Amino acid sequence: MELSLLTLNLHTYQQHPLNCCFDTMHQHEREVHIIAEAIAHLGMDVVCFQEVGEYLHDPITQPYGESPSNMAFRICQKLRHWGHWFHIHQDWSHIGFHRWREGTAIMSRYPMRHNYSAYVSDDQRKDNYMSRNVTVSCIDVPWFGLLHVANAHLSWAHHGFFHEYARLKQLVDSRRNFGVRADLIVGDFNAPAGEHAYNHIVGNGEYVDQFYELHPHHFYKPSYHGRIDGWKHSPPKRIDYIFKRNGHPLRIKSMDIIFNDEFYPVVSDHFGYFAKFDLF
């Protein structure tokens, strides 16, 4: 059996930042449409978004994220309108760019069990952009069982990455008693390939960088373009990943960079990764 997954940092409505937030959201209809179209046409099963924007002054819904301004929910609703039903689980970390709730979202064609979110940063204040909340879910994949997905947007090595990753790892390990058959840790790690934070994840062999496994000669190929927030004083790097726990019954089959103007138009300051796995 095959399962496909997308990870993409959505850039918190900053592709077309305008003075009026409603005009900003309207201008991003292009990005919403392109992303939804790719998900539908490529038959993606699981989607992980980081930097999901939602207007700060919209009422907070229960469950979180069902506001009409929430970009992941807009994508999900468009897919549902086209006949592609997705479940969705979201939470937010902090206020981004002064007027957006910024968080992470997991979408799945398959039922989602044991949805949860938790702060992994020392600071949990909503007004601190260094506050980091992760979303996790067990995807109930037919004929396979539970695939645990952790969707993270972590801080830089000098701003708390190591503490955050330790808490993320502890959270993932604490959920293995749900009967999980395999687990993936996905997202924007702000950990450049080959540097200390990256080596901290893969160094003991417990987790495997799926892009490197397939494309070892493109180890340093950047996952974003230009000078982005947090990396304005360095050339582009690879900081977005899909990590698989070693030894679990899924095997990477293909993994392509997407939304890079070669394979679908650019929709963010980050590129996405579209991966396919064989499940056994």
C-alpha atoms as a PDB file:
ATOM      1  CA  MET A   1       0.000   0.000   0.000  1.00  0.00           C
ATOM      2  CA  GLU A   2       1.116   3.563  -0.698  1.00  0.00           C
ATOM      3  CA  LEU A   3       0.675   6.716   1.394  1.00  0.00           C
ATOM      4  CA  SER A   4       1.547  10.257   0.318  1.00  0.00           C
ATOM      5  CA  LEU A   5       2.376  13.258   2.497  1.00  0.00           C
ATOM      6  CA  LEU A   6       2.962  16.971   1.965  1.00  0.00           C
ATOM      7  CA  THR A   7       4.783  19.331   4.300  1.00  0.00           C
ATOM      8  CA  LEU A   8       4.720  23.080   3.651  1.00  0.00           C
ATOM      9  CA  ASN A   9       5.342  26.272   5.607  1.00  0.00           C
ATOM     10  CA  LEU A  10       2.503  28.653   4.590  1.00  0.00           C
ATOM     11  CA  HIS A  11       4.259  31.916   5.592  1.00  0.00           C
ATOM     12  CA  THR A  12       1.385  33.347   7.679  1.00  0.00           C
ATOM     13  CA  TYR A  13      -0.314  35.410   4.945  1.00  0.00           C
ATOM     14  CA  GLN A  14       2.947  37.183   4.058  1.00  0.00           C
ATOM     15  CA  GLN A  15       3.001  36.506   0.321  1.00  0.00           C
ATOM     16  CA  HIS A  16       0.800  39.567  -0.257  1.00  0.00           C
ATOM     17  CA  PRO A  17       0.915  41.666   2.948  1.00  0.00           C
ATOM     18  CA  LEU A  18      -1.451  44.638   2.671  1.00  0.00           C
ATOM     19  CA  ASN A  19      -2.598  47.250   5.186  1.00  0.00           C
ATOM     20  CA  CYS A  20      -6.071  45.722   5.366  1.00  0.00           C
ATOM     21  CA  CYS A  21      -6.075  42.170   6.704  1.00  0.00           C
ATOM     22  CA  PHE A  22      -9.209  41.313   4.707  1.00  0.00           C
ATOM     23  CA  ASP A  23      -7.545  42.448   1.479  1.00  0.00           C
ATOM     24  CA  THR A  24      -4.521  40.366   2.474  1.00  0.00           C
ATOM     25  CA  MET A  25      -6.655  37.260   2.931  1.00  0.00           C
ATOM     26  CA  HIS A  26      -8.448  37.902  -0.375  1.00  0.00           C
ATOM     27  CA  GLN A  27      -5.131  38.240  -2.218  1.00  0.00           C
ATOM     28  CA  HIS A  28      -4.088  34.825  -0.887  1.00  0.00           C
ATOM     29  CA  GLU A  29      -6.985  33.102  -2.649  1.00  0.00           C
ATOM     30  CA  ARG A  30      -4.457  32.314  -5.386  1.00  0.00           C
ATOM     31  CA  GLU A  31      -2.255  30.386  -2.945  1.00  0.00           C
ATOM     32  CA  VAL A  32      -5.262  28.641  -1.381  1.00  0.00           C
ATOM     33  CA  HIS A  33      -6.416  27.485  -4.816  1.00  0.00           C
ATOM     34  CA  ILE A  34      -2.973  26.302  -6.002  1.00  0.00           C
ATOM     35  CA  ILE A  35      -2.303  24.317  -2.822  1.00  0.00           C
ATOM     36  CA  ALA A  36      -5.768  22.735  -2.786  1.00  0.00           C
ATOM     37  CA  GLU A  37      -5.461  21.885  -6.472  1.00  0.00           C
ATOM     38  CA  ALA A  38      -2.118  20.138  -5.904  1.00  0.00           C
ATOM     39  CA  ILE A  39      -3.510  18.151  -2.960  1.00  0.00           C
ATOM     40  CA  ALA A  40      -6.505  17.056  -5.024  1.00  0.00           C
ATOM     41  CA  HIS A  41      -4.709  16.292  -8.291  1.00  0.00           C
ATOM     42  CA  LEU A  42      -1.802  14.449  -6.673  1.00  0.00           C
ATOM     43  CA  GLY A  43      -4.073  12.495  -4.339  1.00  0.00           C
ATOM     44  CA  MET A  44      -2.242  13.486  -1.174  1.00  0.00           C
ATOM     45  CA  ASP A  45      -3.288  11.559   1.923  1.00  0.00           C
ATOM     46  CA  VAL A  46      -1.712  13.566   4.763  1.00  0.00           C
ATOM     47  CA  VAL A  47      -0.787  17.261   4.811  1.00  0.00           C
ATOM     48  CA  CYS A  48       1.295  19.111   7.414  1.00  0.00           C
ATOM     49  CA  PHE A  49       1.272  22.910   7.384  1.00  0.00           C
ATOM     50  CA  GLN A  50       3.403  25.269   9.469  1.00  0.00           C
ATOM     51  CA  GLU A  51       2.913  29.039   9.863  1.00  0.00           C
ATOM     52  CA  VAL A  52      -0.831  28.733   9.385  1.00  0.00           C
ATOM     53  CA  GLY A  53      -2.313  32.221   9.647  1.00  0.00           C
ATOM     54  CA  GLU A  54      -5.648  33.120  11.245  1.00  0.00           C
ATOM     55  CA  TYR A  55      -6.845  36.681  11.867  1.00  0.00           C
ATOM     56  CA  LEU A  56      -6.110  37.646  15.471  1.00  0.00           C
ATOM     57  CA  HIS A  57      -9.495  39.245  16.114  1.00  0.00           C
ATOM     58  CA  ASP A  58     -11.638  36.401  14.787  1.00  0.00           C
ATOM     59  CA  PRO A  59     -13.394  34.419  17.551  1.00  0.00           C
ATOM     60  CA  ILE A  60     -11.437  31.332  18.594  1.00  0.00           C
ATOM     61  CA  THR A  61     -13.453  28.297  17.517  1.00  0.00           C
ATOM     62  CA  GLN A  62     -13.835  24.927  19.197  1.00  0.00           C
ATOM     63  CA  PRO A  63     -12.128  22.937  17.817  1.00  0.00           C
ATOM     64  CA  TYR A  64      -9.534  25.554  17.015  1.00  0.00           C
ATOM     65  CA  GLY A  65      -9.020  26.605  13.406  1.00  0.00           C
ATOM     66  CA  GLU A  66     -12.539  26.664  11.948  1.00  0.00           C
ATOM     67  CA  SER A  67     -12.473  30.412  11.457  1.00  0.00           C
ATOM     68  CA  PRO A  68     -13.095  31.562   7.851  1.00  0.00           C
ATOM     69  CA  SER A  69      -9.785  33.457   8.030  1.00  0.00           C
ATOM     70  CA  ASN A  70      -7.742  30.348   8.853  1.00  0.00           C
ATOM     71  CA  MET A  71      -5.672  29.488   5.781  1.00  0.00           C
ATOM     72  CA  ALA A  72      -5.504  25.735   6.401  1.00  0.00           C
ATOM     73  CA  PHE A  73      -9.266  25.645   6.967  1.00  0.00           C
ATOM     74  CA  ARG A  74      -9.779  27.594   3.729  1.00  0.00           C
ATOM     75  CA  ILE A  75      -7.746  24.978   1.871  1.00  0.00           C
ATOM     76  CA  CYS A  76      -9.648  22.175   3.601  1.00  0.00           C
ATOM     77  CA  GLN A  77     -13.028  23.740   2.774  1.00  0.00           C
ATOM     78  CA  LYS A  78     -12.090  24.170  -0.883  1.00  0.00           C
ATOM     79  CA  LEU A  79     -11.123  20.511  -1.058  1.00  0.00           C
ATOM     80  CA  ARG A  80     -14.396  19.491   0.572  1.00  0.00           C
ATOM     81  CA  HIS A  81     -16.285  21.638  -1.939  1.00  0.00           C
ATOM     82  CA  TRP A  82     -14.518  19.710  -4.707  1.00  0.00           C
ATOM     83  CA  GLY A  83     -15.523  16.395  -3.149  1.00  0.00           C
ATOM     84  CA  HIS A  84     -12.279  15.595  -1.310  1.00  0.00           C
ATOM     85  CA  TRP A  85     -13.092  15.113   2.364  1.00  0.00           C
ATOM     86  CA  PHE A  86     -10.254  15.837   4.777  1.00  0.00           C
ATOM     87  CA  HIS A  87     -10.148  15.714   8.559  1.00  0.00           C
ATOM     88  CA  ILE A  88      -8.142  18.522  10.169  1.00  0.00           C
ATOM     89  CA  HIS A  89      -6.415  19.165  13.508  1.00  0.00           C
ATOM     90  CA  GLN A  90      -4.872  22.541  14.385  1.00  0.00           C
ATOM     91  CA  ASP A  91      -3.502  24.682  17.170  1.00  0.00           C
ATOM     92  CA  TRP A  92      -1.649  27.971  17.364  1.00  0.00           C
ATOM     93  CA  SER A  93       1.613  28.976  18.986  1.00  0.00           C
ATOM     94  CA  HIS A  94       1.857  32.768  19.022  1.00  0.00           C
ATOM     95  CA  ILE A  95       0.906  36.034  17.368  1.00  0.00           C
ATOM     96  CA  GLY A  96       2.782  36.430  14.107  1.00  0.00           C
ATOM     97  CA  PHE A  97       3.373  39.644  12.155  1.00  0.00           C
ATOM     98  CA  HIS A  98       1.299  41.596  14.726  1.00  0.00           C
ATOM     99  CA  ARG A  99      -2.169  40.497  13.573  1.00  0.00           C
ATOM    100  CA  TRP A 100      -2.234  36.771  12.899  1.00  0.00           C
ATOM    101  CA  ARG A 101      -2.542  33.724  15.080  1.00  0.00           C
ATOM    102  CA  GLU A 102       0.232  31.486  13.800  1.00  0.00           C
ATOM    103  CA  GLY A 103       0.200  27.732  14.232  1.00  0.00           C
ATOM    104  CA  THR A 104       0.400  24.285  12.690  1.00  0.00           C
ATOM    105  CA  ALA A 105      -2.189  22.037  11.059  1.00  0.00           C
ATOM    106  CA  ILE A 106      -2.453  18.370  10.099  1.00  0.00           C
ATOM    107  CA  MET A 107      -4.956  17.293   7.443  1.00  0.00           C
ATOM    108  CA  SER A 108      -5.791  13.683   6.572  1.00  0.00           C
ATOM    109  CA  ARG A 109      -8.059  11.770   4.217  1.00  0.00           C
ATOM    110  CA  TYR A 110      -8.139   9.020   6.831  1.00  0.00           C
ATOM    111  CA  PRO A 111      -9.617   9.185  10.353  1.00  0.00           C
ATOM    112  CA  MET A 112      -7.479  10.960  12.932  1.00  0.00           C
ATOM    113  CA  ARG A 113      -7.217   9.507  16.443  1.00  0.00           C
ATOM    114  CA  HIS A 114      -5.737  10.901  19.652  1.00  0.00           C
ATOM    115  CA  ASN A 115      -5.334  14.454  18.338  1.00  0.00           C
ATOM    116  CA  TYR A 116      -3.272  16.568  20.698  1.00  0.00           C
ATOM    117  CA  SER A 117      -1.137  19.684  20.846  1.00  0.00           C
ATOM    118  CA  ALA A 118       1.444  20.891  23.330  1.00  0.00           C
ATOM    119  CA  TYR A 119       4.025  23.597  23.857  1.00  0.00           C
ATOM    120  CA  VAL A 120       7.605  22.423  23.530  1.00  0.00           C
ATOM    121  CA  SER A 121       9.211  25.835  24.140  1.00  0.00           C
ATOM    122  CA  ASP A 122      10.127  27.241  27.546  1.00  0.00           C
ATOM    123  CA  ASP A 123       7.915  30.260  26.878  1.00  0.00           C
ATOM    124  CA  GLN A 124       4.211  29.694  26.258  1.00  0.00           C
ATOM    125  CA  ARG A 125       3.077  33.296  25.953  1.00  0.00           C
ATOM    126  CA  LYS A 126       1.023  34.054  22.882  1.00  0.00           C
ATOM    127  CA  ASP A 127       2.720  37.437  22.448  1.00  0.00           C
ATOM    128  CA  ASN A 128       6.189  35.886  22.126  1.00  0.00           C
ATOM    129  CA  TYR A 129       7.073  34.705  18.622  1.00  0.00           C
ATOM    130  CA  MET A 130       9.500  32.202  20.176  1.00  0.00           C
ATOM    131  CA  SER A 131       6.612  30.222  21.717  1.00  0.00           C
ATOM    132  CA  ARG A 132       6.343  26.879  19.904  1.00  0.00           C
ATOM    133  CA  ASN A 133       3.296  24.607  19.949  1.00  0.00           C
ATOM    134  CA  VAL A 134       3.288  21.301  18.030  1.00  0.00           C
ATOM    135  CA  THR A 135       0.334  19.295  16.712  1.00  0.00           C
ATOM    136  CA  VAL A 136       0.293  15.490  16.776  1.00  0.00           C
ATOM    137  CA  SER A 137      -2.164  12.889  15.533  1.00  0.00           C
ATOM    138  CA  CYS A 138      -2.518   9.160  14.936  1.00  0.00           C
ATOM    139  CA  ILE A 139      -3.674   8.620  11.350  1.00  0.00           C
ATOM    140  CA  ASP A 140      -5.777   5.454  11.071  1.00  0.00           C
ATOM    141  CA  VAL A 141      -4.550   4.192   7.689  1.00  0.00           C
ATOM    142  CA  PRO A 142      -6.650   1.352   6.205  1.00  0.00           C
ATOM    143  CA  TRP A 143      -4.930  -2.064   6.129  1.00  0.00           C
ATOM    144  CA  PHE A 144      -1.962  -0.589   7.989  1.00  0.00           C
ATOM    145  CA  GLY A 145      -2.979   0.786  11.366  1.00  0.00           C
ATOM    146  CA  LEU A 146      -1.934   3.892  13.251  1.00  0.00           C
ATOM    147  CA  LEU A 147       0.679   6.186  11.726  1.00  0.00           C
ATOM    148  CA  HIS A 148       1.763   8.791  14.261  1.00  0.00           C
ATOM    149  CA  VAL A 149       2.492  12.202  12.736  1.00  0.00           C
ATOM    150  CA  ALA A 150       4.099  15.055  14.679  1.00  0.00           C
ATOM    151  CA  ASN A 151       4.011  18.430  12.926  1.00  0.00           C
ATOM    152  CA  ALA A 152       6.531  20.911  14.297  1.00  0.00           C
ATOM    153  CA  HIS A 153       7.923  24.386  13.724  1.00  0.00           C
ATOM    154  CA  LEU A 154      10.938  24.669  16.014  1.00  0.00           C
ATOM    155  CA  SER A 155      13.329  27.462  16.956  1.00  0.00           C
ATOM    156  CA  TRP A 156      16.918  28.044  15.868  1.00  0.00           C
ATOM    157  CA  ALA A 157      19.816  26.203  17.507  1.00  0.00           C
ATOM    158  CA  HIS A 158      20.789  29.255  19.584  1.00  0.00           C
ATOM    159  CA  HIS A 159      17.169  30.028  20.559  1.00  0.00           C
ATOM    160  CA  GLY A 160      15.904  26.856  22.196  1.00  0.00           C
ATOM    161  CA  PHE A 161      15.942  24.150  19.526  1.00  0.00           C
ATOM    162  CA  PHE A 162      17.566  21.491  21.701  1.00  0.00           C
ATOM    163  CA  HIS A 163      15.103  21.861  24.594  1.00  0.00           C
ATOM    164  CA  GLU A 164      12.196  21.968  22.156  1.00  0.00           C
ATOM    165  CA  TYR A 165      13.300  18.870  20.283  1.00  0.00           C
ATOM    166  CA  ALA A 166      13.778  16.978  23.562  1.00  0.00           C
ATOM    167  CA  ARG A 167      10.201  17.807  24.588  1.00  0.00           C
ATOM    168  CA  LEU A 168       8.888  16.913  21.137  1.00  0.00           C
ATOM    169  CA  LYS A 169      10.673  13.580  21.280  1.00  0.00           C
ATOM    170  CA  GLN A 170       9.334  12.926  24.774  1.00  0.00           C
ATOM    171  CA  LEU A 171       5.794  13.696  23.575  1.00  0.00           C
ATOM    172  CA  VAL A 172       6.107  11.346  20.594  1.00  0.00           C
ATOM    173  CA  ASP A 173       7.556   8.546  22.733  1.00  0.00           C
ATOM    174  CA  SER A 174       4.758   8.929  25.298  1.00  0.00           C
ATOM    175  CA  ARG A 175       2.157   8.149  22.633  1.00  0.00           C
ATOM    176  CA  ARG A 176       3.634   4.895  21.338  1.00  0.00           C
ATOM    177  CA  ASN A 177       1.398   2.913  23.702  1.00  0.00           C
ATOM    178  CA  PHE A 178      -1.596   3.817  21.500  1.00  0.00           C
ATOM    179  CA  GLY A 179      -0.618   0.935  19.234  1.00  0.00           C
ATOM    180  CA  VAL A 180       1.337   3.057  16.771  1.00  0.00           C
ATOM    181  CA  ARG A 181       2.948   1.062  13.943  1.00  0.00           C
ATOM    182  CA  ALA A 182       5.136   3.857  12.584  1.00  0.00           C
ATOM    183  CA  ASP A 183       5.914   7.493  13.268  1.00  0.00           C
ATOM    184  CA  LEU A 184       7.018  10.534  11.324  1.00  0.00           C
ATOM    185  CA  ILE A 185       8.275  13.891  12.597  1.00  0.00           C
ATOM    186  CA  VAL A 186       7.610  16.553   9.995  1.00  0.00           C
ATOM    187  CA  GLY A 187       7.951  20.300   9.527  1.00  0.00           C
ATOM    188  CA  ASP A 188      10.187  23.363   9.642  1.00  0.00           C
ATOM    189  CA  PHE A 189      12.990  22.645  12.105  1.00  0.00           C
ATOM    190  CA  ASN A 190      15.189  25.708  11.492  1.00  0.00           C
ATOM    191  CA  ALA A 191      18.026  23.169  11.557  1.00  0.00           C
ATOM    192  CA  PRO A 192      20.216  23.440   8.442  1.00  0.00           C
ATOM    193  CA  ALA A 193      21.314  20.155   6.899  1.00  0.00           C
ATOM    194  CA  GLY A 194      24.690  19.062   8.243  1.00  0.00           C
ATOM    195  CA  GLU A 195      24.767  21.534  11.136  1.00  0.00           C
ATOM    196  CA  HIS A 196      24.638  20.829  14.873  1.00  0.00           C
ATOM    197  CA  ALA A 197      20.845  20.874  15.356  1.00  0.00           C
ATOM    198  CA  TYR A 198      20.283  18.610  12.349  1.00  0.00           C
ATOM    199  CA  ASN A 199      22.956  16.173  13.522  1.00  0.00           C
ATOM    200  CA  HIS A 200      21.277  16.104  16.927  1.00  0.00           C
ATOM    201  CA  ILE A 201      18.164  14.597  15.290  1.00  0.00           C
ATOM    202  CA  VAL A 202      19.809  12.003  13.048  1.00  0.00           C
ATOM    203  CA  GLY A 203      23.107  11.393  14.847  1.00  0.00           C
ATOM    204  CA  ASN A 204      22.063   8.313  16.831  1.00  0.00           C
ATOM    205  CA  GLY A 205      20.260   6.725  13.878  1.00  0.00           C
ATOM    206  CA  GLU A 206      16.850   6.707  15.542  1.00  0.00           C
ATOM    207  CA  TYR A 207      15.340   9.007  12.902  1.00  0.00           C
ATOM    208  CA  VAL A 208      16.206   9.061   9.215  1.00  0.00           C
ATOM    209  CA  ASP A 209      16.077  12.124   6.955  1.00  0.00           C
ATOM    210  CA  GLN A 210      13.863  10.908   4.111  1.00  0.00           C
ATOM    211  CA  PHE A 211      15.081  13.405   1.515  1.00  0.00           C
ATOM    212  CA  TYR A 212      18.689  12.432   2.150  1.00  0.00           C
ATOM    213  CA  GLU A 213      17.800   8.737   1.991  1.00  0.00           C
ATOM    214  CA  LEU A 214      16.541   9.209  -1.578  1.00  0.00           C
ATOM    215  CA  HIS A 215      18.732  12.093  -2.741  1.00  0.00           C
ATOM    216  CA  PRO A 216      22.129  11.865  -0.984  1.00  0.00           C
ATOM    217  CA  HIS A 217      23.787  13.960  -3.694  1.00  0.00           C
ATOM    218  CA  HIS A 218      21.372  16.834  -2.970  1.00  0.00           C
ATOM    219  CA  PHE A 219      21.995  16.912   0.775  1.00  0.00           C
ATOM    220  CA  TYR A 220      22.333  20.705   0.915  1.00  0.00           C
ATOM    221  CA  LYS A 221      19.642  21.552  -1.650  1.00  0.00           C
ATOM    222  CA  PRO A 222      17.717  24.479  -0.072  1.00  0.00           C
ATOM    223  CA  SER A 223      14.100  24.190   1.015  1.00  0.00           C
ATOM    224  CA  TYR A 224      13.443  27.916   0.587  1.00  0.00           C
ATOM    225  CA  HIS A 225      14.469  30.731  -1.712  1.00  0.00           C
ATOM    226  CA  GLY A 226      15.793  34.221  -1.076  1.00  0.00           C
ATOM    227  CA  ARG A 227      16.438  35.804   2.323  1.00  0.00           C
ATOM    228  CA  ILE A 228      13.690  34.707   4.698  1.00  0.00           C
ATOM    229  CA  ASP A 229      12.907  35.618   8.315  1.00  0.00           C
ATOM    230  CA  GLY A 230      15.513  34.091  10.599  1.00  0.00           C
ATOM    231  CA  TRP A 231      17.960  33.410   7.759  1.00  0.00           C
ATOM    232  CA  LYS A 232      18.417  36.837   6.150  1.00  0.00           C
ATOM    233  CA  HIS A 233      22.185  36.858   6.628  1.00  0.00           C
ATOM    234  CA  SER A 234      22.979  33.486   5.083  1.00  0.00           C
ATOM    235  CA  PRO A 235      22.459  31.753   1.749  1.00  0.00           C
ATOM    236  CA  PRO A 236      19.402  29.465   1.416  1.00  0.00           C
ATOM    237  CA  LYS A 237      19.608  26.204   3.365  1.00  0.00           C
ATOM    238  CA  ARG A 238      17.604  23.010   3.798  1.00  0.00           C
ATOM    239  CA  ILE A 239      15.610  23.385   7.026  1.00  0.00           C
ATOM    240  CA  ASP A 240      12.316  21.560   6.249  1.00  0.00           C
ATOM    241  CA  TYR A 241      12.183  17.797   6.740  1.00  0.00           C
ATOM    242  CA  ILE A 242      10.340  14.529   6.970  1.00  0.00           C
ATOM    243  CA  PHE A 243      12.014  12.249   9.525  1.00  0.00           C
ATOM    244  CA  LYS A 244      11.005   8.585   9.821  1.00  0.00           C
ATOM    245  CA  ARG A 245      11.720   6.472  12.875  1.00  0.00           C
ATOM    246  CA  ASN A 246      14.231   3.849  11.803  1.00  0.00           C
ATOM    247  CA  GLY A 247      12.988   0.271  11.483  1.00  0.00           C
ATOM    248  CA  HIS A 248       9.292   1.084  11.227  1.00  0.00           C
ATOM    249  CA  PRO A 249       7.244  -0.624   8.469  1.00  0.00           C
ATOM    250  CA  LEU A 250       7.192   2.109   5.848  1.00  0.00           C
ATOM    251  CA  ARG A 251       9.710   2.853   3.133  1.00  0.00           C
ATOM    252  CA  ILE A 252      10.233   6.111   1.256  1.00  0.00           C
ATOM    253  CA  LYS A 253       9.414   5.632  -2.436  1.00  0.00           C
ATOM    254  CA  SER A 254       9.720   9.157  -3.825  1.00  0.00           C
ATOM    255  CA  MET A 255      10.186  12.654  -2.439  1.00  0.00           C
ATOM    256  CA  ASP A 256      10.006  15.757  -4.579  1.00  0.00           C
ATOM    257  CA  ILE A 257      10.346  19.465  -3.947  1.00  0.00           C
ATOM    258  CA  ILE A 258       7.015  21.117  -4.767  1.00  0.00           C
ATOM    259  CA  PHE A 259       5.746  24.702  -5.045  1.00  0.00           C
ATOM    260  CA  ASN A 260       9.089  25.834  -6.470  1.00  0.00           C
ATOM    261  CA  ASP A 261       7.879  27.111  -9.888  1.00  0.00           C
ATOM    262  CA  GLU A 262       9.035  23.871 -11.498  1.00  0.00           C
ATOM    263  CA  PHE A 263       6.543  21.516  -9.852  1.00  0.00           C
ATOM    264  CA  TYR A 264       3.584  23.838  -9.131  1.00  0.00           C
ATOM    265  CA  PRO A 265       3.970  27.618  -8.657  1.00  0.00           C
ATOM    266  CA  VAL A 266       5.615  29.195  -5.620  1.00  0.00           C
ATOM    267  CA  VAL A 267       3.055  29.819  -2.844  1.00  0.00           C
ATOM    268  CA  SER A 268       5.305  30.693   0.117  1.00  0.00           C
ATOM    269  CA  ASP A 269       8.831  31.721   1.032  1.00  0.00           C
ATOM    270  CA  HIS A 270       9.425  27.983   1.599  1.00  0.00           C
ATOM    271  CA  PHE A 271       9.165  25.159  -0.891  1.00  0.00           C
ATOM    272  CA  GLY A 272       7.169  22.084   0.059  1.00  0.00           C
ATOM    273  CA  TYR A 273       8.064  18.397   0.063  1.00  0.00           C
ATOM    274  CA  PHE A 274       5.760  15.799  -1.472  1.00  0.00           C
ATOM    275  CA  ALA A 275       6.641  12.267  -0.357  1.00  0.00           C
ATOM    276  CA  LYS A 276       5.273   8.822  -1.148  1.00  0.00           C
ATOM    277  CA  PHE A 277       5.769   5.831   1.131  1.00  0.00           C
ATOM    278  CA  ASP A 278       5.262   2.119   0.691  1.00  0.00           C
ATOM    279  CA  LEU A 279       3.541   0.664   3.757  1.00  0.00           C
ATOM    280  CA  PHE A 280       4.041  -2.973   4.683  1.00  0.00           C
END
